[in-house]
């Protein structure tokens, strides 16, 4: 039998969630689309929720992860900052290492 351990991780800042899988997906979608509203639509979430998540990330992080441009004739937009790209990279590395560790632990177990 092939056992797997399932787990979700997140990073907190001062006891509040900074990053998790959903927030990282939102950051990536903003990087791809250049727009908070398009990213929210792509992920099937409301603009209001997406804005609240980005505001929470920007407030809790050491530096802004996303910068926004006010709409108008040329349209608005949102841009992933270099720090935002670093947040994604670090989270994904930690997450991948966590999964590797958990896979090793289940293989060491005596469940079989």
N, C-alpha and C. Protein backbone atom coordinates (compact mmCIF):
# COMPACT_ATOMS: atom_id res chain seq x y z
N UNK A 1 0.84 -1.18 0.00
CA UNK A 1 0.00 0.00 0.00
C UNK A 1 0.89 1.25 0.00
N UNK A 2 0.49 2.25 -0.73
CA UNK A 2 1.27 3.48 -0.85
C UNK A 2 0.64 4.56 0.04
N UNK A 3 1.24 4.81 1.19
CA UNK A 3 0.74 5.83 2.11
C UNK A 3 1.34 7.19 1.79
N UNK A 4 0.57 8.23 2.00
CA UNK A 4 1.04 9.61 1.80
C UNK A 4 0.61 10.44 3.00
N UNK A 5 1.44 11.36 3.40
CA UNK A 5 1.08 12.34 4.43
C UNK A 5 0.65 13.61 3.70
N UNK A 6 -0.48 14.16 4.07
CA UNK A 6 -0.97 15.40 3.47
C UNK A 6 -0.88 16.51 4.52
N UNK A 7 -0.42 17.65 4.08
CA UNK A 7 -0.24 18.77 4.99
C UNK A 7 -0.28 20.07 4.21
N UNK A 8 -0.67 21.13 4.87
CA UNK A 8 -0.62 22.47 4.28
C UNK A 8 0.22 23.33 5.20
N UNK A 9 1.08 24.13 4.60
CA UNK A 9 1.87 25.04 5.42
C UNK A 9 1.54 26.47 5.06
N UNK A 10 1.86 27.34 5.97
CA UNK A 10 1.74 28.77 5.73
C UNK A 10 2.79 29.47 6.55
N UNK A 11 3.10 30.69 6.17
CA UNK A 11 4.07 31.50 6.90
C UNK A 11 3.30 32.61 7.60
N UNK A 12 3.59 32.79 8.87
CA UNK A 12 2.94 33.83 9.66
C UNK A 12 3.93 34.95 9.95
N UNK A 13 3.39 36.14 10.12
CA UNK A 13 4.16 37.30 10.57
C UNK A 13 3.42 37.88 11.76
N UNK A 14 4.07 37.87 12.91
CA UNK A 14 3.46 38.38 14.14
C UNK A 14 2.11 37.74 14.43
N UNK A 15 2.00 36.43 14.20
CA UNK A 15 0.79 35.69 14.53
C UNK A 15 -0.32 35.78 13.50
N UNK A 16 -0.08 36.44 12.37
CA UNK A 16 -1.07 36.56 11.30
C UNK A 16 -0.52 35.92 10.03
N UNK A 17 -1.42 35.33 9.25
CA UNK A 17 -0.97 34.66 8.02
C UNK A 17 -0.40 35.69 7.05
N UNK A 18 0.81 35.39 6.59
CA UNK A 18 1.45 36.19 5.55
C UNK A 18 1.26 35.50 4.21
N UNK A 19 1.65 34.24 4.14
CA UNK A 19 1.59 33.49 2.88
C UNK A 19 1.11 32.07 3.11
N UNK A 20 0.35 31.60 2.16
CA UNK A 20 -0.07 30.21 2.09
C UNK A 20 -0.23 29.89 0.61
N UNK A 21 -0.67 28.69 0.30
CA UNK A 21 -0.80 28.29 -1.10
C UNK A 21 -1.73 29.21 -1.89
N UNK A 22 -2.86 29.59 -1.31
CA UNK A 22 -3.81 30.45 -2.00
C UNK A 22 -3.25 31.83 -2.29
N UNK A 23 -2.57 32.40 -1.32
CA UNK A 23 -1.99 33.73 -1.51
C UNK A 23 -0.86 33.70 -2.53
N UNK A 24 -0.09 32.63 -2.53
CA UNK A 24 0.98 32.49 -3.52
C UNK A 24 0.37 32.35 -4.91
N UNK A 25 -0.72 31.59 -5.03
CA UNK A 25 -1.41 31.46 -6.32
C UNK A 25 -1.89 32.82 -6.81
N UNK A 26 -2.39 33.64 -5.90
CA UNK A 26 -2.84 34.98 -6.27
C UNK A 26 -1.67 35.84 -6.74
N UNK A 27 -0.56 35.80 -6.02
CA UNK A 27 0.62 36.57 -6.45
C UNK A 27 1.07 36.13 -7.84
N UNK A 28 1.09 34.83 -8.09
CA UNK A 28 1.49 34.33 -9.40
C UNK A 28 0.52 34.78 -10.49
N UNK A 29 -0.77 34.74 -10.19
CA UNK A 29 -1.78 35.15 -11.17
C UNK A 29 -1.66 36.63 -11.50
N UNK A 30 -1.32 37.44 -10.51
CA UNK A 30 -1.11 38.87 -10.75
C UNK A 30 0.12 39.05 -11.64
N UNK A 31 1.17 38.30 -11.36
CA UNK A 31 2.38 38.39 -12.19
C UNK A 31 2.07 38.01 -13.64
N UNK A 32 1.22 37.02 -13.84
CA UNK A 32 0.86 36.56 -15.19
C UNK A 32 -0.04 37.54 -15.92
N UNK A 33 -1.02 38.09 -15.20
CA UNK A 33 -2.05 38.90 -15.86
C UNK A 33 -1.77 40.40 -15.81
N UNK A 34 -0.96 40.84 -14.83
CA UNK A 34 -0.71 42.27 -14.67
C UNK A 34 -1.89 43.02 -14.10
N UNK A 35 -2.83 42.28 -13.51
CA UNK A 35 -4.06 42.91 -13.02
C UNK A 35 -4.61 42.13 -11.83
N UNK A 36 -5.01 42.85 -10.80
CA UNK A 36 -5.62 42.21 -9.64
C UNK A 36 -6.99 41.65 -10.01
N UNK A 37 -7.78 42.41 -10.76
CA UNK A 37 -9.11 41.93 -11.13
C UNK A 37 -9.04 40.71 -12.05
N UNK A 38 -8.12 40.71 -13.02
CA UNK A 38 -7.97 39.55 -13.90
C UNK A 38 -7.45 38.34 -13.12
N UNK A 39 -6.56 38.57 -12.18
CA UNK A 39 -6.03 37.47 -11.36
C UNK A 39 -7.15 36.87 -10.51
N UNK A 40 -7.96 37.73 -9.91
CA UNK A 40 -9.08 37.25 -9.09
C UNK A 40 -10.04 36.43 -9.94
N UNK A 41 -10.36 36.93 -11.12
CA UNK A 41 -11.27 36.22 -12.02
C UNK A 41 -10.68 34.86 -12.41
N UNK A 42 -9.40 34.84 -12.73
CA UNK A 42 -8.73 33.60 -13.12
C UNK A 42 -8.82 32.55 -12.01
N UNK A 43 -8.74 33.01 -10.75
CA UNK A 43 -8.77 32.08 -9.61
C UNK A 43 -10.18 31.85 -9.06
N UNK A 44 -11.17 32.50 -9.66
CA UNK A 44 -12.55 32.31 -9.22
C UNK A 44 -12.85 32.93 -7.87
N UNK A 45 -12.20 34.05 -7.57
CA UNK A 45 -12.47 34.74 -6.31
C UNK A 45 -12.93 36.16 -6.59
N UNK A 46 -13.58 36.75 -5.64
CA UNK A 46 -14.05 38.11 -5.82
C UNK A 46 -12.88 39.09 -5.77
N UNK A 47 -13.07 40.23 -6.42
CA UNK A 47 -12.05 41.27 -6.40
C UNK A 47 -11.83 41.73 -4.96
N UNK A 48 -12.90 41.83 -4.20
CA UNK A 48 -12.82 42.29 -2.81
C UNK A 48 -11.94 41.35 -1.98
N UNK A 49 -12.12 40.06 -2.15
CA UNK A 49 -11.30 39.09 -1.40
C UNK A 49 -9.85 39.17 -1.85
N UNK A 50 -9.63 39.26 -3.17
CA UNK A 50 -8.26 39.35 -3.69
C UNK A 50 -7.58 40.61 -3.15
N UNK A 51 -8.29 41.72 -3.14
CA UNK A 51 -7.72 42.96 -2.62
C UNK A 51 -7.37 42.81 -1.14
N UNK A 52 -8.26 42.19 -0.37
CA UNK A 52 -8.01 42.00 1.07
C UNK A 52 -6.76 41.12 1.29
N UNK A 53 -6.60 40.08 0.48
CA UNK A 53 -5.43 39.21 0.62
C UNK A 53 -4.14 39.95 0.28
N UNK A 54 -4.16 40.71 -0.81
CA UNK A 54 -2.97 41.47 -1.21
C UNK A 54 -2.65 42.55 -0.18
N UNK A 55 -3.67 43.19 0.34
CA UNK A 55 -3.46 44.21 1.37
C UNK A 55 -2.83 43.58 2.61
N UNK A 56 -3.30 42.39 2.98
CA UNK A 56 -2.74 41.69 4.15
C UNK A 56 -1.27 41.33 3.90
N UNK A 57 -0.97 40.83 2.70
CA UNK A 57 0.42 40.48 2.38
C UNK A 57 1.30 41.73 2.45
N UNK A 58 0.87 42.79 1.78
CA UNK A 58 1.67 44.02 1.75
C UNK A 58 1.85 44.63 3.13
N UNK A 59 0.84 44.51 3.98
CA UNK A 59 0.91 45.06 5.33
C UNK A 59 1.85 44.26 6.23
N UNK A 60 1.82 42.94 6.08
CA UNK A 60 2.59 42.06 6.98
C UNK A 60 4.01 41.78 6.51
N UNK A 61 4.26 41.93 5.22
CA UNK A 61 5.60 41.65 4.69
C UNK A 61 6.55 42.80 4.98
N UNK A 62 7.83 42.51 4.93
CA UNK A 62 8.84 43.53 5.18
C UNK A 62 8.80 44.63 4.12
N UNK A 63 8.40 44.26 2.90
CA UNK A 63 8.29 45.19 1.77
C UNK A 63 7.04 44.82 0.98
N UNK A 64 6.52 45.74 0.17
CA UNK A 64 5.34 45.39 -0.65
C UNK A 64 5.65 44.26 -1.64
N UNK A 65 4.69 43.36 -1.79
CA UNK A 65 4.81 42.27 -2.75
C UNK A 65 4.20 42.66 -4.10
N UNK A 66 3.23 43.55 -4.05
CA UNK A 66 2.51 44.01 -5.23
C UNK A 66 2.40 45.53 -5.17
N UNK A 67 2.59 46.16 -6.30
CA UNK A 67 2.29 47.60 -6.41
C UNK A 67 1.16 47.74 -7.41
N UNK A 68 0.24 48.64 -7.10
CA UNK A 68 -0.91 48.84 -7.98
C UNK A 68 -0.84 50.21 -8.62
N UNK A 69 -1.43 50.28 -9.80
CA UNK A 69 -1.56 51.55 -10.51
C UNK A 69 -3.04 51.86 -10.60
N UNK A 70 -3.39 53.09 -10.32
CA UNK A 70 -4.79 53.50 -10.36
C UNK A 70 -5.29 53.45 -11.80
N UNK A 71 -6.52 52.96 -11.96
CA UNK A 71 -7.13 52.86 -13.29
C UNK A 71 -7.38 54.24 -13.89
N UNK A 72 -7.93 54.26 -15.03
CA UNK A 72 -8.20 55.50 -15.74
C UNK A 72 -8.19 55.23 -17.22
N UNK A 73 -7.88 56.24 -17.99
CA UNK A 73 -7.90 56.09 -19.44
C UNK A 73 -6.98 54.98 -19.92
N UNK A 74 -5.79 54.93 -19.40
CA UNK A 74 -4.85 53.89 -19.80
C UNK A 74 -5.05 52.59 -19.04
N UNK A 75 -5.94 52.58 -18.07
CA UNK A 75 -6.19 51.40 -17.26
C UNK A 75 -5.23 51.29 -16.10
N UNK A 76 -5.63 50.56 -15.12
CA UNK A 76 -4.79 50.36 -13.95
C UNK A 76 -3.91 49.16 -14.14
N UNK A 77 -3.61 48.51 -13.07
CA UNK A 77 -2.80 47.31 -13.16
C UNK A 77 -2.15 47.02 -11.83
N UNK A 78 -1.54 45.89 -11.76
CA UNK A 78 -0.82 45.46 -10.56
C UNK A 78 0.45 44.75 -11.02
N UNK A 79 1.51 45.00 -10.31
CA UNK A 79 2.81 44.44 -10.68
C UNK A 79 3.44 43.75 -9.48
N UNK A 80 3.94 42.55 -9.71
CA UNK A 80 4.69 41.82 -8.70
C UNK A 80 6.05 42.51 -8.53
N UNK A 81 6.41 42.83 -7.31
CA UNK A 81 7.71 43.45 -7.05
C UNK A 81 8.78 42.37 -6.98
N UNK A 82 10.05 42.76 -7.05
CA UNK A 82 11.12 41.76 -6.85
C UNK A 82 10.98 41.06 -5.50
N UNK A 83 10.56 41.80 -4.47
CA UNK A 83 10.36 41.18 -3.15
C UNK A 83 9.21 40.17 -3.21
N UNK A 84 8.16 40.50 -3.96
CA UNK A 84 7.05 39.57 -4.12
C UNK A 84 7.50 38.28 -4.80
N UNK A 85 8.37 38.42 -5.80
CA UNK A 85 8.92 37.24 -6.47
C UNK A 85 9.75 36.40 -5.50
N UNK A 86 10.48 37.07 -4.61
CA UNK A 86 11.26 36.36 -3.60
C UNK A 86 10.35 35.62 -2.63
N UNK A 87 9.23 36.25 -2.24
CA UNK A 87 8.28 35.58 -1.35
C UNK A 87 7.77 34.28 -1.98
N UNK A 88 7.41 34.35 -3.25
CA UNK A 88 6.93 33.16 -3.96
C UNK A 88 8.01 32.08 -3.97
N UNK A 89 9.20 32.47 -4.35
CA UNK A 89 10.32 31.52 -4.45
C UNK A 89 10.61 30.86 -3.10
N UNK A 90 10.68 31.64 -2.05
CA UNK A 90 10.98 31.10 -0.72
C UNK A 90 9.86 30.18 -0.25
N UNK A 91 8.60 30.59 -0.43
CA UNK A 91 7.49 29.75 0.00
C UNK A 91 7.51 28.42 -0.74
N UNK A 92 7.71 28.47 -2.05
CA UNK A 92 7.70 27.22 -2.83
C UNK A 92 8.85 26.31 -2.45
N UNK A 93 10.00 26.88 -2.16
CA UNK A 93 11.15 26.07 -1.74
C UNK A 93 10.86 25.40 -0.39
N UNK A 94 10.33 26.15 0.54
CA UNK A 94 9.99 25.59 1.86
C UNK A 94 8.93 24.51 1.71
N UNK A 95 7.91 24.78 0.90
CA UNK A 95 6.83 23.82 0.70
C UNK A 95 7.36 22.53 0.08
N UNK A 96 8.20 22.64 -0.92
CA UNK A 96 8.77 21.46 -1.58
C UNK A 96 9.63 20.66 -0.59
N UNK A 97 10.44 21.35 0.20
CA UNK A 97 11.26 20.67 1.20
C UNK A 97 10.41 19.98 2.25
N UNK A 98 9.31 20.60 2.62
CA UNK A 98 8.38 20.01 3.59
C UNK A 98 7.80 18.71 3.05
N UNK A 99 7.35 18.73 1.78
CA UNK A 99 6.80 17.52 1.17
C UNK A 99 7.84 16.41 1.09
N UNK A 100 9.07 16.76 0.73
CA UNK A 100 10.14 15.75 0.67
C UNK A 100 10.36 15.12 2.04
N UNK A 101 10.42 15.96 3.06
CA UNK A 101 10.61 15.48 4.42
C UNK A 101 9.47 14.54 4.83
N UNK A 102 8.23 14.95 4.56
CA UNK A 102 7.08 14.12 4.94
C UNK A 102 7.08 12.79 4.19
N UNK A 103 7.46 12.82 2.91
CA UNK A 103 7.55 11.57 2.15
C UNK A 103 8.57 10.62 2.76
N UNK A 104 9.70 11.17 3.20
CA UNK A 104 10.73 10.34 3.84
C UNK A 104 10.22 9.76 5.16
N UNK A 105 9.47 10.57 5.91
CA UNK A 105 8.97 10.10 7.20
C UNK A 105 7.98 8.96 7.05
N UNK A 106 7.09 9.05 6.07
CA UNK A 106 6.11 7.97 5.90
C UNK A 106 6.80 6.69 5.41
N UNK A 107 7.85 6.83 4.61
CA UNK A 107 8.59 5.65 4.15
C UNK A 107 9.33 4.98 5.31
N UNK A 108 9.74 5.76 6.30
CA UNK A 108 10.44 5.22 7.48
C UNK A 108 9.46 4.58 8.46
N UNK A 109 8.19 4.90 8.33
CA UNK A 109 7.19 4.43 9.29
C UNK A 109 7.03 2.92 9.22
N UNK A 110 6.36 2.40 10.19
CA UNK A 110 6.11 0.96 10.25
C UNK A 110 4.67 0.63 9.90
N UNK A 111 4.07 1.40 8.98
CA UNK A 111 2.67 1.20 8.62
C UNK A 111 2.47 0.03 7.67
N UNK A 112 3.50 -0.38 6.98
CA UNK A 112 3.32 -1.46 5.99
C UNK A 112 3.42 -2.82 6.61
